[in-house]
C-alpha atoms as a PDB file:
ATOM      1  CA  UNK A   1     159.289 133.166  86.557  1.00  0.00           C
ATOM      2  CA  UNK A   2     156.280 135.065  87.818  1.00  0.00           C
ATOM      3  CA  UNK A   3     154.024 133.351  85.281  1.00  0.00           C
ATOM      4  CA  UNK A   4     155.023 129.944  86.612  1.00  0.00           C
ATOM      5  CA  UNK A   5     154.222 130.728  90.238  1.00  0.00           C
ATOM      6  CA  UNK A   6     150.906 132.264  89.179  1.00  0.00           C
ATOM      7  CA  UNK A   7     150.064 129.003  87.357  1.00  0.00           C
ATOM      8  CA  UNK A   8     150.897 126.950  90.441  1.00  0.00           C
ATOM      9  CA  UNK A   9     148.720 129.167  92.618  1.00  0.00           C
ATOM     10  CA  UNK A  10     145.799 128.774  90.227  1.00  0.00           C
ATOM     11  CA  UNK A  11     146.276 125.017  90.148  1.00  0.00           C
ATOM     12  CA  UNK A  12     146.409 124.918  93.936  1.00  0.00           C
ATOM     13  CA  UNK A  13     143.195 126.956  94.180  1.00  0.00           C
ATOM     14  CA  UNK A  14     141.417 124.693  91.684  1.00  0.00           C
ATOM     15  CA  UNK A  15     142.515 121.629  93.622  1.00  0.00           C
ATOM     16  CA  UNK A  16     141.388 123.181  96.906  1.00  0.00           C
ATOM     17  CA  UNK A  17     137.971 124.054  95.459  1.00  0.00           C
ATOM     18  CA  UNK A  18     137.567 120.508  94.094  1.00  0.00           C
ATOM     19  CA  UNK A  19     138.463 119.065  97.507  1.00  0.00           C
ATOM     20  CA  UNK A  20     135.919 121.328  99.219  1.00  0.00           C
ATOM     21  CA  UNK A  21     133.210 120.235  96.774  1.00  0.00           C
ATOM     22  CA  UNK A  22     134.052 116.564  97.322  1.00  0.00           C
ATOM     23  CA  UNK A  23     134.021 117.082 101.115  1.00  0.00           C
ATOM     24  CA  UNK A  24     130.585 118.756 100.900  1.00  0.00           C
ATOM     25  CA  UNK A  25     129.206 115.875  98.808  1.00  0.00           C
ATOM     26  CA  UNK A  26     130.634 113.252 101.177  1.00  0.00           C
ATOM     27  CA  UNK A  27     129.221 115.141 104.172  1.00  0.00           C
ATOM     28  CA  UNK A  28     125.747 115.389 102.621  1.00  0.00           C
ATOM     29  CA  UNK A  29     125.792 111.723 101.600  1.00  0.00           C
ATOM     30  CA  UNK A  30     126.807 110.645 105.105  1.00  0.00           C
ATOM     31  CA  UNK A  31     124.078 112.730 106.756  1.00  0.00           C
ATOM     32  CA  UNK A  32     121.378 111.399 104.404  1.00  0.00           C
ATOM     33  CA  UNK A  33     122.709 107.889 104.998  1.00  0.00           C
ATOM     34  CA  UNK A  34     122.456 108.335 108.774  1.00  0.00           C
ATOM     35  CA  UNK A  35     118.867 109.576 108.434  1.00  0.00           C
ATOM     36  CA  UNK A  36     118.010 106.582 106.245  1.00  0.00           C
ATOM     37  CA  UNK A  37     119.659 104.168 108.695  1.00  0.00           C
ATOM     38  CA  UNK A  38     117.595 105.557 111.581  1.00  0.00           C
ATOM     39  CA  UNK A  39     114.443 105.207 109.451  1.00  0.00           C
ATOM     40  CA  UNK A  40     115.220 101.563 108.702  1.00  0.00           C
ATOM     41  CA  UNK A  41     115.952 100.899 112.379  1.00  0.00           C
ATOM     42  CA  UNK A  42     112.539 102.280 113.306  1.00  0.00           C
ATOM     43  CA  UNK A  43     110.836 100.308 110.550  1.00  0.00           C
ATOM     44  CA  UNK A  44     112.551  97.073 111.612  1.00  0.00           C
ATOM     45  CA  UNK A  45     111.724  97.627 115.281  1.00  0.00           C
ATOM     46  CA  UNK A  46     108.107  98.407 114.368  1.00  0.00           C
ATOM     47  CA  UNK A  47     107.944  95.214 112.310  1.00  0.00           C
ATOM     48  CA  UNK A  48     109.204  93.276 115.308  1.00  0.00           C
ATOM     49  CA  UNK A  49     106.627  94.909 117.591  1.00  0.00           C
ATOM     50  CA  UNK A  50     103.654  94.070 115.364  1.00  0.00           C
ATOM     51  CA  UNK A  51     104.943  90.560 114.658  1.00  0.00           C
ATOM     52  CA  UNK A  52     105.501  89.603 118.290  1.00  0.00           C
ATOM     53  CA  UNK A  53     102.982  91.955 119.919  1.00  0.00           C
ATOM     54  CA  UNK A  54      99.819  90.124 118.954  1.00  0.00           C
ATOM     55  CA  UNK A  55      98.601  90.168 122.547  1.00  0.00           C
ATOM     56  CA  UNK A  56      99.335  93.865 123.112  1.00  0.00           C
ATOM     57  CA  UNK A  57      96.539  96.377 122.501  1.00  0.00           C
ATOM     58  CA  UNK A  58      97.093  98.633 119.448  1.00  0.00           C
ATOM     59  CA  UNK A  59      97.313 101.796 121.568  1.00  0.00           C
ATOM     60  CA  UNK A  60     100.212 100.343 123.542  1.00  0.00           C
ATOM     61  CA  UNK A  61     101.958  99.263 120.311  1.00  0.00           C
ATOM     62  CA  UNK A  62     101.557 102.836 119.075  1.00  0.00           C
ATOM     63  CA  UNK A  63     103.207 104.119 122.267  1.00  0.00           C
ATOM     64  CA  UNK A  64     106.043 101.599 121.963  1.00  0.00           C
ATOM     65  CA  UNK A  65     106.741 102.631 118.371  1.00  0.00           C
ATOM     66  CA  UNK A  66     106.768 106.255 119.495  1.00  0.00           C
ATOM     67  CA  UNK A  67     109.266 105.419 122.254  1.00  0.00           C
ATOM     68  CA  UNK A  68     111.518 103.721 119.678  1.00  0.00           C
ATOM     69  CA  UNK A  69     111.329 106.854 117.498  1.00  0.00           C
ATOM     70  CA  UNK A  70     112.235 109.046 120.468  1.00  0.00           C
ATOM     71  CA  UNK A  71     115.194 106.794 121.288  1.00  0.00           C
ATOM     72  CA  UNK A  72     116.392 107.213 117.685  1.00  0.00           C
ATOM     73  CA  UNK A  73     115.786 110.988 117.956  1.00  0.00           C
ATOM     74  CA  UNK A  74     113.313 110.989 115.081  1.00  0.00           C
ATOM     75  CA  UNK A  75     110.692 113.737 114.684  1.00  0.00           C
ATOM     76  CA  UNK A  76     107.731 111.349 114.804  1.00  0.00           C
ATOM     77  CA  UNK A  77     104.649 112.444 116.743  1.00  0.00           C
ATOM     78  CA  UNK A  78     102.447 109.823 118.357  1.00  0.00           C
ATOM     79  CA  UNK A  79      99.528 111.087 116.230  1.00  0.00           C
ATOM     80  CA  UNK A  80     101.492 110.236 113.069  1.00  0.00           C
ATOM     81  CA  UNK A  81     101.523 106.536 113.993  1.00  0.00           C
ATOM     82  CA  UNK A  82      98.507 104.377 113.161  1.00  0.00           C
ATOM     83  CA  UNK A  83      98.179 100.861 114.569  1.00  0.00           C
ATOM     84  CA  UNK A  84      95.183  98.717 113.626  1.00  0.00           C
ATOM     85  CA  UNK A  85      94.209  95.140 114.251  1.00  0.00           C
ATOM     86  CA  UNK A  86      91.808  93.055 112.181  1.00  0.00           C
ATOM     87  CA  UNK A  87      91.542  89.540 113.506  1.00  0.00           C
ATOM     88  CA  UNK A  88      95.038  88.085 113.675  1.00  0.00           C
ATOM     89  CA  UNK A  89      96.603  90.791 111.465  1.00  0.00           C
ATOM     90  CA  UNK A  90      98.194  93.843 113.078  1.00  0.00           C
ATOM     91  CA  UNK A  91      99.256  96.767 110.876  1.00  0.00           C
ATOM     92  CA  UNK A  92     101.323  99.798 111.818  1.00  0.00           C
ATOM     93  CA  UNK A  93     102.048 102.778 109.603  1.00  0.00           C
ATOM     94  CA  UNK A  94     103.946 105.972 110.272  1.00  0.00           C
ATOM     95  CA  UNK A  95     105.130 109.038 108.404  1.00  0.00           C
ATOM     96  CA  UNK A  96     107.446 111.891 109.335  1.00  0.00           C
ATOM     97  CA  UNK A  97     109.677 114.492 107.757  1.00  0.00           C
ATOM     98  CA  UNK A  98     113.293 114.708 108.878  1.00  0.00           C
ATOM     99  CA  UNK A  99     115.252 117.890 108.161  1.00  0.00           C
ATOM    100  CA  UNK A 100     118.738 116.748 107.210  1.00  0.00           C
ATOM    101  CA  UNK A 101     121.543 119.297 107.212  1.00  0.00           C
ATOM    102  CA  UNK A 102     123.148 118.498 103.855  1.00  0.00           C
ATOM    103  CA  UNK A 103     125.306 121.624 103.844  1.00  0.00           C
ATOM    104  CA  UNK A 104     126.233 123.870 106.767  1.00  0.00           C
ATOM    105  CA  UNK A 105     123.149 125.929 107.666  1.00  0.00           C
ATOM    106  CA  UNK A 106     121.083 124.316 104.888  1.00  0.00           C
ATOM    107  CA  UNK A 107     118.546 121.681 105.883  1.00  0.00           C
ATOM    108  CA  UNK A 108     116.749 119.551 103.328  1.00  0.00           C
ATOM    109  CA  UNK A 109     113.425 117.975 104.350  1.00  0.00           C
ATOM    110  CA  UNK A 110     113.165 114.260 103.583  1.00  0.00           C
ATOM    111  CA  UNK A 111     109.835 112.481 104.003  1.00  0.00           C
ATOM    112  CA  UNK A 112     109.928 108.959 105.400  1.00  0.00           C
ATOM    113  CA  UNK A 113     106.943 106.640 105.661  1.00  0.00           C
ATOM    114  CA  UNK A 114     106.379 102.938 106.169  1.00  0.00           C
ATOM    115  CA  UNK A 115     103.725 100.308 106.715  1.00  0.00           C
ATOM    116  CA  UNK A 116     104.424  96.994 108.414  1.00  0.00           C
ATOM    117  CA  UNK A 117     102.185  93.997 109.087  1.00  0.00           C
ATOM    118  CA  UNK A 118     102.331  91.081 111.455  1.00  0.00           C
ATOM    119  CA  UNK A 119     100.153  88.026 111.933  1.00  0.00           C
ATOM    120  CA  UNK A 120      99.669  86.589 115.399  1.00  0.00           C
ATOM    121  CA  UNK A 121     100.184  82.886 114.801  1.00  0.00           C
ATOM    122  CA  UNK A 122      99.753  81.963 118.457  1.00  0.00           C
ATOM    123  CA  UNK A 123      96.258  83.356 119.000  1.00  0.00           C
ATOM    124  CA  UNK A 124      93.811  80.805 120.276  1.00  0.00           C
ATOM    125  CA  UNK A 125      96.441  78.143 120.923  1.00  0.00           C
ATOM    126  CA  UNK A 126      96.336  76.578 124.338  1.00  0.00           C
ATOM    127  CA  UNK A 127      99.602  76.841 126.278  1.00  0.00           C
ATOM    128  CA  UNK A 128     101.736  73.742 125.798  1.00  0.00           C
ATOM    129  CA  UNK A 129      99.852  72.619 122.673  1.00  0.00           C
ATOM    130  CA  UNK A 130     101.584  72.156 119.334  1.00  0.00           C
ATOM    131  CA  UNK A 131      99.904  74.577 116.882  1.00  0.00           C
ATOM    132  CA  UNK A 132     101.441  72.725 113.889  1.00  0.00           C
ATOM    133  CA  UNK A 133      99.866  69.397 114.743  1.00  0.00           C
ATOM    134  CA  UNK A 134      96.532  68.488 113.173  1.00  0.00           C
ATOM    135  CA  UNK A 135      94.165  66.708 115.508  1.00  0.00           C
END
């Protein structure tokens, strides 16, 4: 009889260890997924800013991207954002490292970087004019 209960205890311990490992993997995957989602939100919002901010000076676009990063609680310094404009093309790039806690008390650094471009299609068009019409 004692051998049977010992076998059940071992089986229970093995099952418990497997469940703890699965929980740790799910936790790490969720935390990395949240970090990636915040990165993509910032990238999308930056794309929107450079696409529709053709009349905003690059320094102000840089500040707006930084404000978006702060709102998403991302560790992005204003100096790590570069916004340039050449003619009608505006480009913004940024890079940061986010420390993601993949296991309790263990943080893994993940580097995120992006570059987005936008073209100001409305530059030089008189208000009320149809920019698609050839005259």
